[in-house]
């Protein structure tokens, strides 16, 4: 598939869930793949020198670590554009980039022991009402595809 796909993940060294689901269901892969790992640091603001790290994984597969302080505004497109402008991500058109984000739906289940039923219901409700990941990361809605999975608690 032509173009570049950016698969957002919290994992630092494994394959992102959205990438696995995308390939399993569609049986295609973009000609260029970015594995974008977001890390929130325990400092108010991340230093410019440590904000972006680009690590080649395989031909046409690159892992990009984006680090933000806990008071920084998380803006994934701006950080990737900076990496392109700095020459660390060559051949990436940020305006045509497709972002893939995992979307887990939490469902209360009586099959799994643990939390009381009423707590599971409240947890599922809070998760449904949480801010959308794409808007929190400032990713343009026209460039996002959410790949979903259901989790029982």
C-alpha atoms as a PDB file:
ATOM      1  CA  UNK A   1       0.000   0.000   0.000  1.00  0.00           C
ATOM      2  CA  UNK A   2       1.429   3.380  -0.916  1.00  0.00           C
ATOM      3  CA  UNK A   3       2.218   6.040   1.650  1.00  0.00           C
ATOM      4  CA  UNK A   4       3.287   6.042   5.262  1.00  0.00           C
ATOM      5  CA  UNK A   5       1.374   4.613   8.204  1.00  0.00           C
ATOM      6  CA  UNK A   6       2.106   5.844  11.734  1.00  0.00           C
ATOM      7  CA  UNK A   7       1.016   3.280  14.323  1.00  0.00           C
ATOM      8  CA  UNK A   8       0.796   4.818  17.785  1.00  0.00           C
ATOM      9  CA  UNK A   9       1.756   2.615  20.707  1.00  0.00           C
ATOM     10  CA  UNK A  10       2.850   2.794  24.310  1.00  0.00           C
ATOM     11  CA  UNK A  11       5.071  -0.276  23.884  1.00  0.00           C
ATOM     12  CA  UNK A  12       8.753   0.456  23.466  1.00  0.00           C
ATOM     13  CA  UNK A  13       9.895  -2.781  21.873  1.00  0.00           C
ATOM     14  CA  UNK A  14       6.970  -4.820  20.595  1.00  0.00           C
ATOM     15  CA  UNK A  15       4.556  -4.674  17.696  1.00  0.00           C
ATOM     16  CA  UNK A  16       1.642  -2.258  18.233  1.00  0.00           C
ATOM     17  CA  UNK A  17      -1.841  -3.757  18.528  1.00  0.00           C
ATOM     18  CA  UNK A  18      -3.247  -1.495  15.761  1.00  0.00           C
ATOM     19  CA  UNK A  19      -0.561  -2.733  13.357  1.00  0.00           C
ATOM     20  CA  UNK A  20      -1.254  -6.402  14.124  1.00  0.00           C
ATOM     21  CA  UNK A  21      -5.015  -5.933  13.670  1.00  0.00           C
ATOM     22  CA  UNK A  22      -4.576  -3.866  10.504  1.00  0.00           C
ATOM     23  CA  UNK A  23      -2.387  -6.488   8.825  1.00  0.00           C
ATOM     24  CA  UNK A  24      -4.524  -9.402  10.056  1.00  0.00           C
ATOM     25  CA  UNK A  25      -7.778  -7.951   8.697  1.00  0.00           C
ATOM     26  CA  UNK A  26      -6.637  -6.108   5.567  1.00  0.00           C
ATOM     27  CA  UNK A  27      -3.556  -8.204   4.733  1.00  0.00           C
ATOM     28  CA  UNK A  28      -1.619  -5.174   3.486  1.00  0.00           C
ATOM     29  CA  UNK A  29       1.090  -2.932   4.867  1.00  0.00           C
ATOM     30  CA  UNK A  30       2.118   0.611   3.973  1.00  0.00           C
ATOM     31  CA  UNK A  31       5.344   0.994   2.011  1.00  0.00           C
ATOM     32  CA  UNK A  32       6.721   2.948   4.991  1.00  0.00           C
ATOM     33  CA  UNK A  33       5.796   2.211   8.626  1.00  0.00           C
ATOM     34  CA  UNK A  34       6.422   4.424  11.649  1.00  0.00           C
ATOM     35  CA  UNK A  35       6.039   2.868  15.105  1.00  0.00           C
ATOM     36  CA  UNK A  36       5.382   5.964  17.197  1.00  0.00           C
ATOM     37  CA  UNK A  37       5.890   5.544  20.933  1.00  0.00           C
ATOM     38  CA  UNK A  38       4.653   8.337  23.176  1.00  0.00           C
ATOM     39  CA  UNK A  39       6.409   8.740  26.521  1.00  0.00           C
ATOM     40  CA  UNK A  40       5.328  11.180  29.232  1.00  0.00           C
ATOM     41  CA  UNK A  41       8.298  12.051  31.451  1.00  0.00           C
ATOM     42  CA  UNK A  42       8.337  12.804  35.181  1.00  0.00           C
ATOM     43  CA  UNK A  43       9.496  16.361  34.541  1.00  0.00           C
ATOM     44  CA  UNK A  44       7.331  19.381  33.658  1.00  0.00           C
ATOM     45  CA  UNK A  45       8.939  19.955  30.247  1.00  0.00           C
ATOM     46  CA  UNK A  46      11.045  17.666  28.076  1.00  0.00           C
ATOM     47  CA  UNK A  47      14.365  19.038  26.893  1.00  0.00           C
ATOM     48  CA  UNK A  48      14.562  19.599  23.134  1.00  0.00           C
ATOM     49  CA  UNK A  49      17.546  17.245  22.876  1.00  0.00           C
ATOM     50  CA  UNK A  50      15.583  14.279  24.241  1.00  0.00           C
ATOM     51  CA  UNK A  51      12.138  15.042  22.780  1.00  0.00           C
ATOM     52  CA  UNK A  52      12.531  13.029  19.537  1.00  0.00           C
ATOM     53  CA  UNK A  53      14.491   9.821  18.975  1.00  0.00           C
ATOM     54  CA  UNK A  54      14.423   7.965  15.645  1.00  0.00           C
ATOM     55  CA  UNK A  55      15.538   4.318  15.570  1.00  0.00           C
ATOM     56  CA  UNK A  56      15.614   2.287  12.331  1.00  0.00           C
ATOM     57  CA  UNK A  57      14.085  -1.177  12.911  1.00  0.00           C
ATOM     58  CA  UNK A  58      14.120  -2.688   9.412  1.00  0.00           C
ATOM     59  CA  UNK A  59      14.069  -1.368   5.848  1.00  0.00           C
ATOM     60  CA  UNK A  60      11.128   1.079   5.666  1.00  0.00           C
ATOM     61  CA  UNK A  61      10.200   0.464   9.344  1.00  0.00           C
ATOM     62  CA  UNK A  62      11.215   3.113  11.865  1.00  0.00           C
ATOM     63  CA  UNK A  63      10.484   3.451  15.572  1.00  0.00           C
ATOM     64  CA  UNK A  64      10.008   7.056  16.687  1.00  0.00           C
ATOM     65  CA  UNK A  65      10.084   7.898  20.397  1.00  0.00           C
ATOM     66  CA  UNK A  66       8.314  11.164  21.222  1.00  0.00           C
ATOM     67  CA  UNK A  67       8.880  12.422  24.754  1.00  0.00           C
ATOM     68  CA  UNK A  68       6.880  15.117  26.479  1.00  0.00           C
ATOM     69  CA  UNK A  69       6.956  16.499  30.000  1.00  0.00           C
ATOM     70  CA  UNK A  70       3.810  16.149  32.081  1.00  0.00           C
ATOM     71  CA  UNK A  71       3.009  19.854  31.532  1.00  0.00           C
ATOM     72  CA  UNK A  72       3.820  19.887  27.799  1.00  0.00           C
ATOM     73  CA  UNK A  73       1.043  19.895  25.233  1.00  0.00           C
ATOM     74  CA  UNK A  74       1.189  16.550  23.458  1.00  0.00           C
ATOM     75  CA  UNK A  75       1.128  17.310  19.725  1.00  0.00           C
ATOM     76  CA  UNK A  76       2.168  14.270  17.688  1.00  0.00           C
ATOM     77  CA  UNK A  77       1.959  15.874  14.183  1.00  0.00           C
ATOM     78  CA  UNK A  78       4.077  18.857  15.239  1.00  0.00           C
ATOM     79  CA  UNK A  79       6.748  16.562  16.722  1.00  0.00           C
ATOM     80  CA  UNK A  80       6.844  14.344  13.608  1.00  0.00           C
ATOM     81  CA  UNK A  81       7.020  17.408  11.343  1.00  0.00           C
ATOM     82  CA  UNK A  82       9.983  18.643  13.377  1.00  0.00           C
ATOM     83  CA  UNK A  83      11.722  15.281  12.928  1.00  0.00           C
ATOM     84  CA  UNK A  84      11.169  15.567   9.160  1.00  0.00           C
ATOM     85  CA  UNK A  85      12.439  19.165   9.058  1.00  0.00           C
ATOM     86  CA  UNK A  86      15.524  18.179  11.101  1.00  0.00           C
ATOM     87  CA  UNK A  87      16.290  15.412   8.582  1.00  0.00           C
ATOM     88  CA  UNK A  88      15.737  12.571  11.042  1.00  0.00           C
ATOM     89  CA  UNK A  89      12.669  11.245   9.170  1.00  0.00           C
ATOM     90  CA  UNK A  90      13.370  11.431   5.482  1.00  0.00           C
ATOM     91  CA  UNK A  91      10.760  10.800   2.815  1.00  0.00           C
ATOM     92  CA  UNK A  92       7.739  11.328   5.103  1.00  0.00           C
ATOM     93  CA  UNK A  93       4.957  13.684   3.988  1.00  0.00           C
ATOM     94  CA  UNK A  94       3.261  14.703   7.246  1.00  0.00           C
ATOM     95  CA  UNK A  95       0.213  16.042   5.401  1.00  0.00           C
ATOM     96  CA  UNK A  96      -0.457  12.633   3.835  1.00  0.00           C
ATOM     97  CA  UNK A  97       0.462  10.524   6.854  1.00  0.00           C
ATOM     98  CA  UNK A  98      -2.142   8.012   8.083  1.00  0.00           C
ATOM     99  CA  UNK A  99      -2.321   7.596  11.873  1.00  0.00           C
ATOM    100  CA  UNK A 100      -3.541   4.334  13.396  1.00  0.00           C
ATOM    101  CA  UNK A 101      -4.644   4.387  17.018  1.00  0.00           C
ATOM    102  CA  UNK A 102      -5.804   1.535  19.205  1.00  0.00           C
ATOM    103  CA  UNK A 103      -9.225   1.958  20.775  1.00  0.00           C
ATOM    104  CA  UNK A 104     -10.054  -0.414  23.604  1.00  0.00           C
ATOM    105  CA  UNK A 105     -13.659  -0.705  24.703  1.00  0.00           C
ATOM    106  CA  UNK A 106     -13.973  -1.793  28.319  1.00  0.00           C
ATOM    107  CA  UNK A 107     -16.922  -4.079  29.028  1.00  0.00           C
ATOM    108  CA  UNK A 108     -18.008  -5.224  32.476  1.00  0.00           C
ATOM    109  CA  UNK A 109     -18.147  -9.017  32.663  1.00  0.00           C
ATOM    110  CA  UNK A 110     -19.290 -11.463  35.297  1.00  0.00           C
ATOM    111  CA  UNK A 111     -16.985 -14.139  33.812  1.00  0.00           C
ATOM    112  CA  UNK A 112     -13.838 -12.576  35.251  1.00  0.00           C
ATOM    113  CA  UNK A 113     -13.457 -12.521  39.030  1.00  0.00           C
ATOM    114  CA  UNK A 114     -11.963  -9.465  40.673  1.00  0.00           C
ATOM    115  CA  UNK A 115     -13.825  -6.191  40.947  1.00  0.00           C
ATOM    116  CA  UNK A 116     -17.340  -5.941  42.261  1.00  0.00           C
ATOM    117  CA  UNK A 117     -19.912  -5.637  39.477  1.00  0.00           C
ATOM    118  CA  UNK A 118     -20.847  -2.054  40.300  1.00  0.00           C
ATOM    119  CA  UNK A 119     -17.158  -1.033  40.185  1.00  0.00           C
ATOM    120  CA  UNK A 120     -16.734  -2.662  36.780  1.00  0.00           C
ATOM    121  CA  UNK A 121     -19.746  -0.719  35.491  1.00  0.00           C
ATOM    122  CA  UNK A 122     -18.337   2.575  36.816  1.00  0.00           C
ATOM    123  CA  UNK A 123     -14.896   1.811  35.334  1.00  0.00           C
ATOM    124  CA  UNK A 124     -16.438   1.035  31.914  1.00  0.00           C
ATOM    125  CA  UNK A 125     -18.512   4.252  32.071  1.00  0.00           C
ATOM    126  CA  UNK A 126     -15.462   6.360  32.934  1.00  0.00           C
ATOM    127  CA  UNK A 127     -13.497   4.825  30.068  1.00  0.00           C
ATOM    128  CA  UNK A 128     -16.316   5.576  27.590  1.00  0.00           C
ATOM    129  CA  UNK A 129     -16.450   9.204  28.781  1.00  0.00           C
ATOM    130  CA  UNK A 130     -12.681   9.764  28.619  1.00  0.00           C
ATOM    131  CA  UNK A 131     -11.263  12.197  26.070  1.00  0.00           C
ATOM    132  CA  UNK A 132     -10.743  10.747  22.607  1.00  0.00           C
ATOM    133  CA  UNK A 133      -7.132   9.735  22.056  1.00  0.00           C
ATOM    134  CA  UNK A 134      -6.826  11.445  18.669  1.00  0.00           C
ATOM    135  CA  UNK A 135      -7.945  14.829  20.018  1.00  0.00           C
ATOM    136  CA  UNK A 136      -5.643  14.540  23.055  1.00  0.00           C
ATOM    137  CA  UNK A 137      -2.693  13.843  20.735  1.00  0.00           C
ATOM    138  CA  UNK A 138      -3.764  16.680  18.351  1.00  0.00           C
ATOM    139  CA  UNK A 139      -3.931  14.274  15.404  1.00  0.00           C
ATOM    140  CA  UNK A 140      -6.141  15.592  12.564  1.00  0.00           C
ATOM    141  CA  UNK A 141      -9.399  13.611  12.444  1.00  0.00           C
ATOM    142  CA  UNK A 142      -9.189  13.224   8.648  1.00  0.00           C
ATOM    143  CA  UNK A 143      -5.888  11.364   9.018  1.00  0.00           C
ATOM    144  CA  UNK A 144      -6.891   8.943  11.809  1.00  0.00           C
ATOM    145  CA  UNK A 145      -8.103   5.376  11.738  1.00  0.00           C
ATOM    146  CA  UNK A 146      -9.009   3.772  15.045  1.00  0.00           C
ATOM    147  CA  UNK A 147      -8.478   0.027  15.294  1.00  0.00           C
ATOM    148  CA  UNK A 148     -10.647  -1.351  18.074  1.00  0.00           C
ATOM    149  CA  UNK A 149     -10.594  -4.199  20.523  1.00  0.00           C
ATOM    150  CA  UNK A 150     -12.906  -5.172  23.360  1.00  0.00           C
ATOM    151  CA  UNK A 151     -11.562  -5.850  26.862  1.00  0.00           C
ATOM    152  CA  UNK A 152     -13.523  -7.536  29.625  1.00  0.00           C
ATOM    153  CA  UNK A 153     -12.989  -6.496  33.249  1.00  0.00           C
END
